[in-house]
Amino acid sequence: MERLGFILGALEHDLKAQQRVEMHQALVREVIRMRIKDRDRAHQWLYGRRDDGKETKGYMQLHPTSTLDADVIDQWKKGNRGSPGEWK
């Protein structure tokens, strides 16, 4: 049973890691779709904005270690236009 526990633990770890990757990729696709629909809105969502003197933090300010903006740019340059499951 000890070996089974090790295997199950490894699978659980891998599944969680894979879920994080898939969620990140889905978020990249969503930002790409947002960019296609309204480029300014996508930029504001990523980097924040100022409205009437009030500053709103963007995703990259709230998550400074994220690679989201770099991955959006990279995927856009590779031709990804946000289709479900698309990753280049």
PDB file of N, CA and C in Angstrom:
ATOM      1  N   MET A   1       0.820  -1.202   0.000  1.00  0.00           N
ATOM      2  CA  MET A   1       0.000   0.000   0.000  1.00  0.00           C
ATOM      3  C   MET A   1       0.859   1.260   0.000  1.00  0.00           C
ATOM      4  N   GLU A   2       2.036   1.160   0.585  1.00  0.00           N
ATOM      5  CA  GLU A   2       2.904   2.330   0.638  1.00  0.00           C
ATOM      6  C   GLU A   2       3.261   2.796  -0.771  1.00  0.00           C
ATOM      7  N   ARG A   3       3.551   1.860  -1.664  1.00  0.00           N
ATOM      8  CA  ARG A   3       3.876   2.213  -3.045  1.00  0.00           C
ATOM      9  C   ARG A   3       2.673   2.841  -3.741  1.00  0.00           C
ATOM     10  N   LEU A   4       1.512   2.312  -3.479  1.00  0.00           N
ATOM     11  CA  LEU A   4       0.308   2.864  -4.077  1.00  0.00           C
ATOM     12  C   LEU A   4       0.109   4.305  -3.638  1.00  0.00           C
ATOM     13  N   GLY A   5       0.356   4.596  -2.380  1.00  0.00           N
ATOM     14  CA  GLY A   5       0.244   5.962  -1.880  1.00  0.00           C
ATOM     15  C   GLY A   5       1.203   6.908  -2.583  1.00  0.00           C
ATOM     16  N   PHE A   6       2.426   6.429  -2.820  1.00  0.00           N
ATOM     17  CA  PHE A   6       3.418   7.230  -3.535  1.00  0.00           C
ATOM     18  C   PHE A   6       2.949   7.526  -4.958  1.00  0.00           C
ATOM     19  N   ILE A   7       2.441   6.514  -5.619  1.00  0.00           N
ATOM     20  CA  ILE A   7       1.964   6.687  -7.001  1.00  0.00           C
ATOM     21  C   ILE A   7       0.778   7.636  -7.043  1.00  0.00           C
ATOM     22  N   LEU A   8      -0.155   7.464  -6.129  1.00  0.00           N
ATOM     23  CA  LEU A   8      -1.318   8.351  -6.089  1.00  0.00           C
ATOM     24  C   LEU A   8      -0.897   9.785  -5.791  1.00  0.00           C
ATOM     25  N   GLY A   9       0.056   9.958  -4.896  1.00  0.00           N
ATOM     26  CA  GLY A   9       0.561  11.293  -4.592  1.00  0.00           C
ATOM     27  C   GLY A   9       1.212  11.938  -5.792  1.00  0.00           C
ATOM     28  N   ALA A  10       1.990  11.148  -6.526  1.00  0.00           N
ATOM     29  CA  ALA A  10       2.644  11.667  -7.732  1.00  0.00           C
ATOM     30  C   ALA A  10       1.618  12.047  -8.788  1.00  0.00           C
ATOM     31  N   LEU A  11       0.612  11.195  -8.976  1.00  0.00           N
ATOM     32  CA  LEU A  11      -0.441  11.505  -9.951  1.00  0.00           C
ATOM     33  C   LEU A  11      -1.205  12.767  -9.567  1.00  0.00           C
ATOM     34  N   GLU A  12      -1.515  12.890  -8.284  1.00  0.00           N
ATOM     35  CA  GLU A  12      -2.237  14.074  -7.819  1.00  0.00           C
ATOM     36  C   GLU A  12      -1.409  15.330  -8.059  1.00  0.00           C
ATOM     37  N   HIS A  13      -0.122  15.257  -7.772  1.00  0.00           N
ATOM     38  CA  HIS A  13       0.766  16.400  -8.000  1.00  0.00           C
ATOM     39  C   HIS A  13       0.796  16.765  -9.484  1.00  0.00           C
ATOM     40  N   ASP A  14       0.948  15.756 -10.348  1.00  0.00           N
ATOM     41  CA  ASP A  14       0.989  15.999 -11.793  1.00  0.00           C
ATOM     42  C   ASP A  14      -0.327  16.561 -12.303  1.00  0.00           C
ATOM     43  N   LEU A  15      -1.429  16.046 -11.797  1.00  0.00           N
ATOM     44  CA  LEU A  15      -2.736  16.538 -12.239  1.00  0.00           C
ATOM     45  C   LEU A  15      -2.922  17.998 -11.850  1.00  0.00           C
ATOM     46  N   LYS A  16      -2.529  18.344 -10.626  1.00  0.00           N
ATOM     47  CA  LYS A  16      -2.655  19.732 -10.193  1.00  0.00           C
ATOM     48  C   LYS A  16      -1.771  20.634 -11.041  1.00  0.00           C
ATOM     49  N   ALA A  17      -0.566  20.194 -11.343  1.00  0.00           N
ATOM     50  CA  ALA A  17       0.337  20.981 -12.178  1.00  0.00           C
ATOM     51  C   ALA A  17      -0.253  21.142 -13.576  1.00  0.00           C
ATOM     52  N   GLN A  18      -0.811  20.064 -14.126  1.00  0.00           N
ATOM     53  CA  GLN A  18      -1.413  20.124 -15.459  1.00  0.00           C
ATOM     54  C   GLN A  18      -2.636  21.035 -15.456  1.00  0.00           C
ATOM     55  N   GLN A  19      -3.419  21.011 -14.395  1.00  0.00           N
ATOM     56  CA  GLN A  19      -4.583  21.891 -14.296  1.00  0.00           C
ATOM     57  C   GLN A  19      -4.152  23.350 -14.267  1.00  0.00           C
ATOM     58  N   ARG A  20      -3.069  23.657 -13.566  1.00  0.00           N
ATOM     59  CA  ARG A  20      -2.562  25.035 -13.530  1.00  0.00           C
ATOM     60  C   ARG A  20      -2.136  25.480 -14.926  1.00  0.00           C
ATOM     61  N   VAL A  21      -1.474  24.601 -15.651  1.00  0.00           N
ATOM     62  CA  VAL A  21      -1.039  24.915 -17.014  1.00  0.00           C
ATOM     63  C   VAL A  21      -2.257  25.162 -17.904  1.00  0.00           C
ATOM     64  N   GLU A  22      -3.238  24.280 -17.826  1.00  0.00           N
ATOM     65  CA  GLU A  22      -4.430  24.416 -18.654  1.00  0.00           C
ATOM     66  C   GLU A  22      -5.224  25.678 -18.307  1.00  0.00           C
ATOM     67  N   MET A  23      -5.303  26.011 -17.031  1.00  0.00           N
ATOM     68  CA  MET A  23      -6.007  27.232 -16.638  1.00  0.00           C
ATOM     69  C   MET A  23      -5.276  28.470 -17.149  1.00  0.00           C
ATOM     70  N   HIS A  24      -3.952  28.456 -17.078  1.00  0.00           N
ATOM     71  CA  HIS A  24      -3.164  29.578 -17.584  1.00  0.00           C
ATOM     72  C   HIS A  24      -3.375  29.729 -19.092  1.00  0.00           C
ATOM     73  N   GLN A  25      -3.337  28.626 -19.815  1.00  0.00           N
ATOM     74  CA  GLN A  25      -3.543  28.679 -21.259  1.00  0.00           C
ATOM     75  C   GLN A  25      -4.947  29.180 -21.594  1.00  0.00           C
ATOM     76  N   ALA A  26      -5.945  28.759 -20.826  1.00  0.00           N
ATOM     77  CA  ALA A  26      -7.306  29.233 -21.050  1.00  0.00           C
ATOM     78  C   ALA A  26      -7.406  30.738 -20.799  1.00  0.00           C
ATOM     79  N   LEU A  27      -6.709  31.227 -19.784  1.00  0.00           N
ATOM     80  CA  LEU A  27      -6.706  32.662 -19.495  1.00  0.00           C
ATOM     81  C   LEU A  27      -6.020  33.433 -20.618  1.00  0.00           C
ATOM     82  N   VAL A  28      -4.931  32.898 -21.147  1.00  0.00           N
ATOM     83  CA  VAL A  28      -4.261  33.536 -22.286  1.00  0.00           C
ATOM     84  C   VAL A  28      -5.232  33.637 -23.462  1.00  0.00           C
ATOM     85  N   ARG A  29      -5.933  32.551 -23.761  1.00  0.00           N
ATOM     86  CA  ARG A  29      -6.901  32.573 -24.870  1.00  0.00           C
ATOM     87  C   ARG A  29      -8.011  33.587 -24.627  1.00  0.00           C
ATOM     88  N   GLU A  30      -8.464  33.685 -23.381  1.00  0.00           N
ATOM     89  CA  GLU A  30      -9.526  34.652 -23.063  1.00  0.00           C
ATOM     90  C   GLU A  30      -9.043  36.087 -23.272  1.00  0.00           C
ATOM     91  N   VAL A  31      -7.823  36.387 -22.870  1.00  0.00           N
ATOM     92  CA  VAL A  31      -7.284  37.734 -23.078  1.00  0.00           C
ATOM     93  C   VAL A  31      -7.128  38.005 -24.577  1.00  0.00           C
ATOM     94  N   ILE A  32      -6.728  37.003 -25.336  1.00  0.00           N
ATOM     95  CA  ILE A  32      -6.628  37.172 -26.796  1.00  0.00           C
ATOM     96  C   ILE A  32      -7.998  37.474 -27.385  1.00  0.00           C
ATOM     97  N   ARG A  33      -9.019  36.735 -26.961  1.00  0.00           N
ATOM     98  CA  ARG A  33     -10.391  37.006 -27.462  1.00  0.00           C
ATOM     99  C   ARG A  33     -10.842  38.404 -27.046  1.00  0.00           C
ATOM    100  N   MET A  34     -10.503  38.797 -25.816  1.00  0.00           N
ATOM    101  CA  MET A  34     -10.834  40.135 -25.336  1.00  0.00           C
ATOM    102  C   MET A  34     -10.138  41.184 -26.202  1.00  0.00           C
ATOM    103  N   ARG A  35      -8.881  40.912 -26.551  1.00  0.00           N
ATOM    104  CA  ARG A  35      -8.097  41.838 -27.380  1.00  0.00           C
ATOM    105  C   ARG A  35      -8.725  42.001 -28.760  1.00  0.00           C
ATOM    106  N   ILE A  36      -9.207  40.908 -29.333  1.00  0.00           N
ATOM    107  CA  ILE A  36      -9.843  40.966 -30.648  1.00  0.00           C
ATOM    108  C   ILE A  36     -11.120  41.805 -30.585  1.00  0.00           C
ATOM    109  N   LYS A  37     -11.881  41.626 -29.535  1.00  0.00           N
ATOM    110  CA  LYS A  37     -13.155  42.339 -29.384  1.00  0.00           C
ATOM    111  C   LYS A  37     -12.950  43.808 -29.018  1.00  0.00           C
ATOM    112  N   ASP A  38     -12.037  44.079 -28.092  1.00  0.00           N
ATOM    113  CA  ASP A  38     -11.829  45.448 -27.607  1.00  0.00           C
ATOM    114  C   ASP A  38     -10.397  45.553 -27.072  1.00  0.00           C
ATOM    115  N   ARG A  39      -9.478  45.982 -27.917  1.00  0.00           N
ATOM    116  CA  ARG A  39      -8.052  46.016 -27.572  1.00  0.00           C
ATOM    117  C   ARG A  39      -7.787  46.865 -26.324  1.00  0.00           C
ATOM    118  N   ASP A  40      -8.436  48.026 -26.221  1.00  0.00           N
ATOM    119  CA  ASP A  40      -8.223  48.896 -25.062  1.00  0.00           C
ATOM    120  C   ASP A  40      -8.667  48.221 -23.767  1.00  0.00           C
ATOM    121  N   ARG A  41      -9.782  47.532 -23.812  1.00  0.00           N
ATOM    122  CA  ARG A  41     -10.284  46.843 -22.614  1.00  0.00           C
ATOM    123  C   ARG A  41      -9.302  45.763 -22.171  1.00  0.00           C
ATOM    124  N   ALA A  42      -8.776  45.016 -23.130  1.00  0.00           N
ATOM    125  CA  ALA A  42      -7.810  43.971 -22.798  1.00  0.00           C
ATOM    126  C   ALA A  42      -6.562  44.580 -22.162  1.00  0.00           C
ATOM    127  N   HIS A  43      -6.105  45.676 -22.718  1.00  0.00           N
ATOM    128  CA  HIS A  43      -4.913  46.343 -22.183  1.00  0.00           C
ATOM    129  C   HIS A  43      -5.189  46.851 -20.763  1.00  0.00           C
ATOM    130  N   GLN A  44      -6.345  47.439 -20.551  1.00  0.00           N
ATOM    131  CA  GLN A  44      -6.699  47.941 -19.220  1.00  0.00           C
ATOM    132  C   GLN A  44      -6.828  46.802 -18.222  1.00  0.00           C
ATOM    133  N   TRP A  45      -7.399  45.680 -18.647  1.00  0.00           N
ATOM    134  CA  TRP A  45      -7.549  44.541 -17.750  1.00  0.00           C
ATOM    135  C   TRP A  45      -6.176  44.015 -17.340  1.00  0.00           C
ATOM    136  N   LEU A  46      -5.243  43.964 -18.298  1.00  0.00           N
ATOM    137  CA  LEU A  46      -3.903  43.470 -17.998  1.00  0.00           C
ATOM    138  C   LEU A  46      -3.087  44.442 -17.164  1.00  0.00           C
ATOM    139  N   TYR A  47      -3.130  45.735 -17.522  1.00  0.00           N
ATOM    140  CA  TYR A  47      -2.184  46.699 -16.948  1.00  0.00           C
ATOM    141  C   TYR A  47      -2.818  47.770 -16.058  1.00  0.00           C
ATOM    142  N   GLY A  48      -4.126  47.778 -15.946  1.00  0.00           N
ATOM    143  CA  GLY A  48      -4.787  48.771 -15.117  1.00  0.00           C
ATOM    144  C   GLY A  48      -5.149  50.014 -15.905  1.00  0.00           C
ATOM    145  N   ARG A  49      -5.800  50.950 -15.232  1.00  0.00           N
ATOM    146  CA  ARG A  49      -6.225  52.187 -15.887  1.00  0.00           C
ATOM    147  C   ARG A  49      -6.513  53.253 -14.859  1.00  0.00           C
ATOM    148  N   ARG A  50      -6.693  54.441 -15.367  1.00  0.00           N
ATOM    149  CA  ARG A  50      -7.103  55.567 -14.520  1.00  0.00           C
ATOM    150  C   ARG A  50      -8.365  56.163 -15.116  1.00  0.00           C
ATOM    151  N   ASP A  51      -9.396  56.201 -14.328  1.00  0.00           N
ATOM    152  CA  ASP A  51     -10.670  56.807 -14.734  1.00  0.00           C
ATOM    153  C   ASP A  51     -11.002  57.914 -13.756  1.00  0.00           C
ATOM    154  N   ASP A  52     -11.127  59.103 -14.258  1.00  0.00           N
ATOM    155  CA  ASP A  52     -11.492  60.252 -13.421  1.00  0.00           C
ATOM    156  C   ASP A  52     -10.598  60.354 -12.184  1.00  0.00           C
ATOM    157  N   GLY A  53      -9.313  60.118 -12.385  1.00  0.00           N
ATOM    158  CA  GLY A  53      -8.373  60.223 -11.281  1.00  0.00           C
ATOM    159  C   GLY A  53      -8.289  58.997 -10.397  1.00  0.00           C
ATOM    160  N   LYS A  54      -9.150  58.010 -10.636  1.00  0.00           N
ATOM    161  CA  LYS A  54      -9.144  56.797  -9.834  1.00  0.00           C
ATOM    162  C   LYS A  54      -8.371  55.708 -10.571  1.00  0.00           C
ATOM    163  N   GLU A  55      -7.398  55.131  -9.878  1.00  0.00           N
ATOM    164  CA  GLU A  55      -6.573  54.090 -10.495  1.00  0.00           C
ATOM    165  C   GLU A  55      -7.157  52.718 -10.210  1.00  0.00           C
ATOM    166  N   THR A  56      -7.219  51.895 -11.238  1.00  0.00           N
ATOM    167  CA  THR A  56      -7.645  50.513 -11.097  1.00  0.00           C
ATOM    168  C   THR A  56      -6.458  49.630 -11.435  1.00  0.00           C
ATOM    169  N   LYS A  57      -6.114  48.732 -10.551  1.00  0.00           N
ATOM    170  CA  LYS A  57      -4.976  47.848 -10.804  1.00  0.00           C
ATOM    171  C   LYS A  57      -5.357  46.785 -11.826  1.00  0.00           C
ATOM    172  N   GLY A  58      -4.406  46.468 -12.666  1.00  0.00           N
ATOM    173  CA  GLY A  58      -4.591  45.417 -13.647  1.00  0.00           C
ATOM    174  C   GLY A  58      -4.059  44.088 -13.141  1.00  0.00           C
ATOM    175  N   TYR A  59      -4.307  43.062 -13.909  1.00  0.00           N
ATOM    176  CA  TYR A  59      -3.887  41.716 -13.533  1.00  0.00           C
ATOM    177  C   TYR A  59      -2.392  41.651 -13.253  1.00  0.00           C
ATOM    178  N   MET A  60      -1.598  42.287 -14.100  1.00  0.00           N
ATOM    179  CA  MET A  60      -0.147  42.205 -13.945  1.00  0.00           C
ATOM    180  C   MET A  60       0.339  42.953 -12.698  1.00  0.00           C
ATOM    181  N   GLN A  61      -0.384  43.941 -12.249  1.00  0.00           N
ATOM    182  CA  GLN A  61      -0.026  44.617 -11.000  1.00  0.00           C
ATOM    183  C   GLN A  61      -0.398  43.751  -9.797  1.00  0.00           C
ATOM    184  N   LEU A  62      -1.499  43.024  -9.933  1.00  0.00           N
ATOM    185  CA  LEU A  62      -1.949  42.158  -8.843  1.00  0.00           C
ATOM    186  C   LEU A  62      -1.153  40.854  -8.775  1.00  0.00           C
ATOM    187  N   HIS A  63      -0.598  40.451  -9.923  1.00  0.00           N
ATOM    188  CA  HIS A  63       0.161  39.198 -10.013  1.00  0.00           C
ATOM    189  C   HIS A  63       1.487  39.474 -10.733  1.00  0.00           C
ATOM    190  N   PRO A  64       2.407  40.171 -10.081  1.00  0.00           N
ATOM    191  CA  PRO A  64       3.627  40.628 -10.754  1.00  0.00           C
ATOM    192  C   PRO A  64       4.556  39.513 -11.239  1.00  0.00           C
ATOM    193  N   THR A  65       4.434  38.320 -10.712  1.00  0.00           N
ATOM    194  CA  THR A  65       5.295  37.229 -11.168  1.00  0.00           C
ATOM    195  C   THR A  65       4.687  36.423 -12.306  1.00  0.00           C
ATOM    196  N   SER A  66       3.476  36.794 -12.708  1.00  0.00           N
ATOM    197  CA  SER A  66       2.791  36.071 -13.781  1.00  0.00           C
ATOM    198  C   SER A  66       3.472  36.307 -15.127  1.00  0.00           C
ATOM    199  N   THR A  67       3.377  35.318 -15.977  1.00  0.00           N
ATOM    200  CA  THR A  67       3.878  35.449 -17.352  1.00  0.00           C
ATOM    201  C   THR A  67       2.733  35.683 -18.329  1.00  0.00           C
ATOM    202  N   LEU A  68       1.567  36.043 -17.819  1.00  0.00           N
ATOM    203  CA  LEU A  68       0.384  36.168 -18.667  1.00  0.00           C
ATOM    204  C   LEU A  68       0.600  37.126 -19.832  1.00  0.00           C
ATOM    205  N   ASP A  69       1.080  38.321 -19.566  1.00  0.00           N
ATOM    206  CA  ASP A  69       1.231  39.289 -20.658  1.00  0.00           C
ATOM    207  C   ASP A  69       2.234  38.806 -21.700  1.00  0.00           C
ATOM    208  N   ALA A  70       3.334  38.232 -21.264  1.00  0.00           N
ATOM    209  CA  ALA A  70       4.333  37.714 -22.204  1.00  0.00           C
ATOM    210  C   ALA A  70       3.771  36.549 -23.017  1.00  0.00           C
ATOM    211  N   ASP A  71       2.974  35.704 -22.367  1.00  0.00           N
ATOM    212  CA  ASP A  71       2.395  34.565 -23.077  1.00  0.00           C
ATOM    213  C   ASP A  71       1.325  35.010 -24.071  1.00  0.00           C
ATOM    214  N   VAL A  72       0.557  36.035 -23.722  1.00  0.00           N
ATOM    215  CA  VAL A  72      -0.437  36.582 -24.667  1.00  0.00           C
ATOM    216  C   VAL A  72       0.289  37.113 -25.899  1.00  0.00           C
ATOM    217  N   ILE A  73       1.329  37.879 -25.689  1.00  0.00           N
ATOM    218  CA  ILE A  73       2.088  38.442 -26.818  1.00  0.00           C
ATOM    219  C   ILE A  73       2.694  37.324 -27.658  1.00  0.00           C
ATOM    220  N   ASP A  74       3.299  36.340 -27.007  1.00  0.00           N
ATOM    221  CA  ASP A  74       3.925  35.225 -27.713  1.00  0.00           C
ATOM    222  C   ASP A  74       2.901  34.445 -28.538  1.00  0.00           C
ATOM    223  N   GLN A  75       1.766  34.117 -27.919  1.00  0.00           N
ATOM    224  CA  GLN A  75       0.747  33.352 -28.632  1.00  0.00           C
ATOM    225  C   GLN A  75       0.138  34.164 -29.775  1.00  0.00           C
ATOM    226  N   TRP A  76      -0.050  35.452 -29.574  1.00  0.00           N
ATOM    227  CA  TRP A  76      -0.581  36.321 -30.624  1.00  0.00           C
ATOM    228  C   TRP A  76       0.368  36.322 -31.829  1.00  0.00           C
ATOM    229  N   LYS A  77       1.656  36.479 -31.551  1.00  0.00           N
ATOM    230  CA  LYS A  77       2.656  36.490 -32.633  1.00  0.00           C
ATOM    231  C   LYS A  77       2.700  35.164 -33.380  1.00  0.00           C
ATOM    232  N   LYS A  78       2.382  34.070 -32.684  1.00  0.00           N
ATOM    233  CA  LYS A  78       2.370  32.745 -33.304  1.00  0.00           C
ATOM    234  C   LYS A  78       1.069  32.454 -34.047  1.00  0.00           C
ATOM    235  N   GLY A  79       0.118  33.390 -33.982  1.00  0.00           N
ATOM    236  CA  GLY A  79      -1.132  33.224 -34.714  1.00  0.00           C
ATOM    237  C   GLY A  79      -2.304  32.707 -33.911  1.00  0.00           C
ATOM    238  N   ASN A  80      -2.142  32.546 -32.607  1.00  0.00           N
ATOM    239  CA  ASN A  80      -3.252  32.094 -31.765  1.00  0.00           C
ATOM    240  C   ASN A  80      -4.281  33.212 -31.681  1.00  0.00           C
ATOM    241  N   ARG A  81      -5.536  32.872 -32.012  1.00  0.00           N
ATOM    242  CA  ARG A  81      -6.612  33.857 -31.948  1.00  0.00           C
ATOM    243  C   ARG A  81      -7.701  33.469 -30.956  1.00  0.00           C
ATOM    244  N   GLY A  82      -7.319  32.614 -30.009  1.00  0.00           N
ATOM    245  CA  GLY A  82      -8.196  32.314 -28.877  1.00  0.00           C
ATOM    246  C   GLY A  82      -9.217  31.218 -29.098  1.00  0.00           C
ATOM    247  N   SER A  83      -9.037  30.400 -30.105  1.00  0.00           N
ATOM    248  CA  SER A  83      -9.957  29.275 -30.297  1.00  0.00           C
ATOM    249  C   SER A  83      -9.806  28.295 -29.135  1.00  0.00           C
ATOM    250  N   PRO A  84     -10.906  27.656 -28.724  1.00  0.00           N
ATOM    251  CA  PRO A  84     -10.828  26.718 -27.607  1.00  0.00           C
ATOM    252  C   PRO A  84      -9.748  25.656 -27.828  1.00  0.00           C
ATOM    253  N   GLY A  85      -8.892  25.489 -26.831  1.00  0.00           N
ATOM    254  CA  GLY A  85      -7.844  24.483 -26.879  1.00  0.00           C
ATOM    255  C   GLY A  85      -6.619  24.866 -27.692  1.00  0.00           C
ATOM    256  N   GLU A  86      -6.648  26.009 -28.358  1.00  0.00           N
ATOM    257  CA  GLU A  86      -5.517  26.402 -29.213  1.00  0.00           C
ATOM    258  C   GLU A  86      -4.320  26.814 -28.375  1.00  0.00           C
ATOM    259  N   TRP A  87      -3.172  26.268 -28.706  1.00  0.00           N
ATOM    260  CA  TRP A  87      -1.911  26.650 -28.073  1.00  0.00           C
ATOM    261  C   TRP A  87      -0.797  26.365 -29.054  1.00  0.00           C
ATOM    262  N   LYS A  88      -0.013  27.366 -29.353  1.00  0.00           N
ATOM    263  CA  LYS A  88       1.046  27.210 -30.367  1.00  0.00           C
ATOM    264  C   LYS A  88       2.411  27.334 -29.764  1.00  0.00           C
TER     265      LYS A  88
END
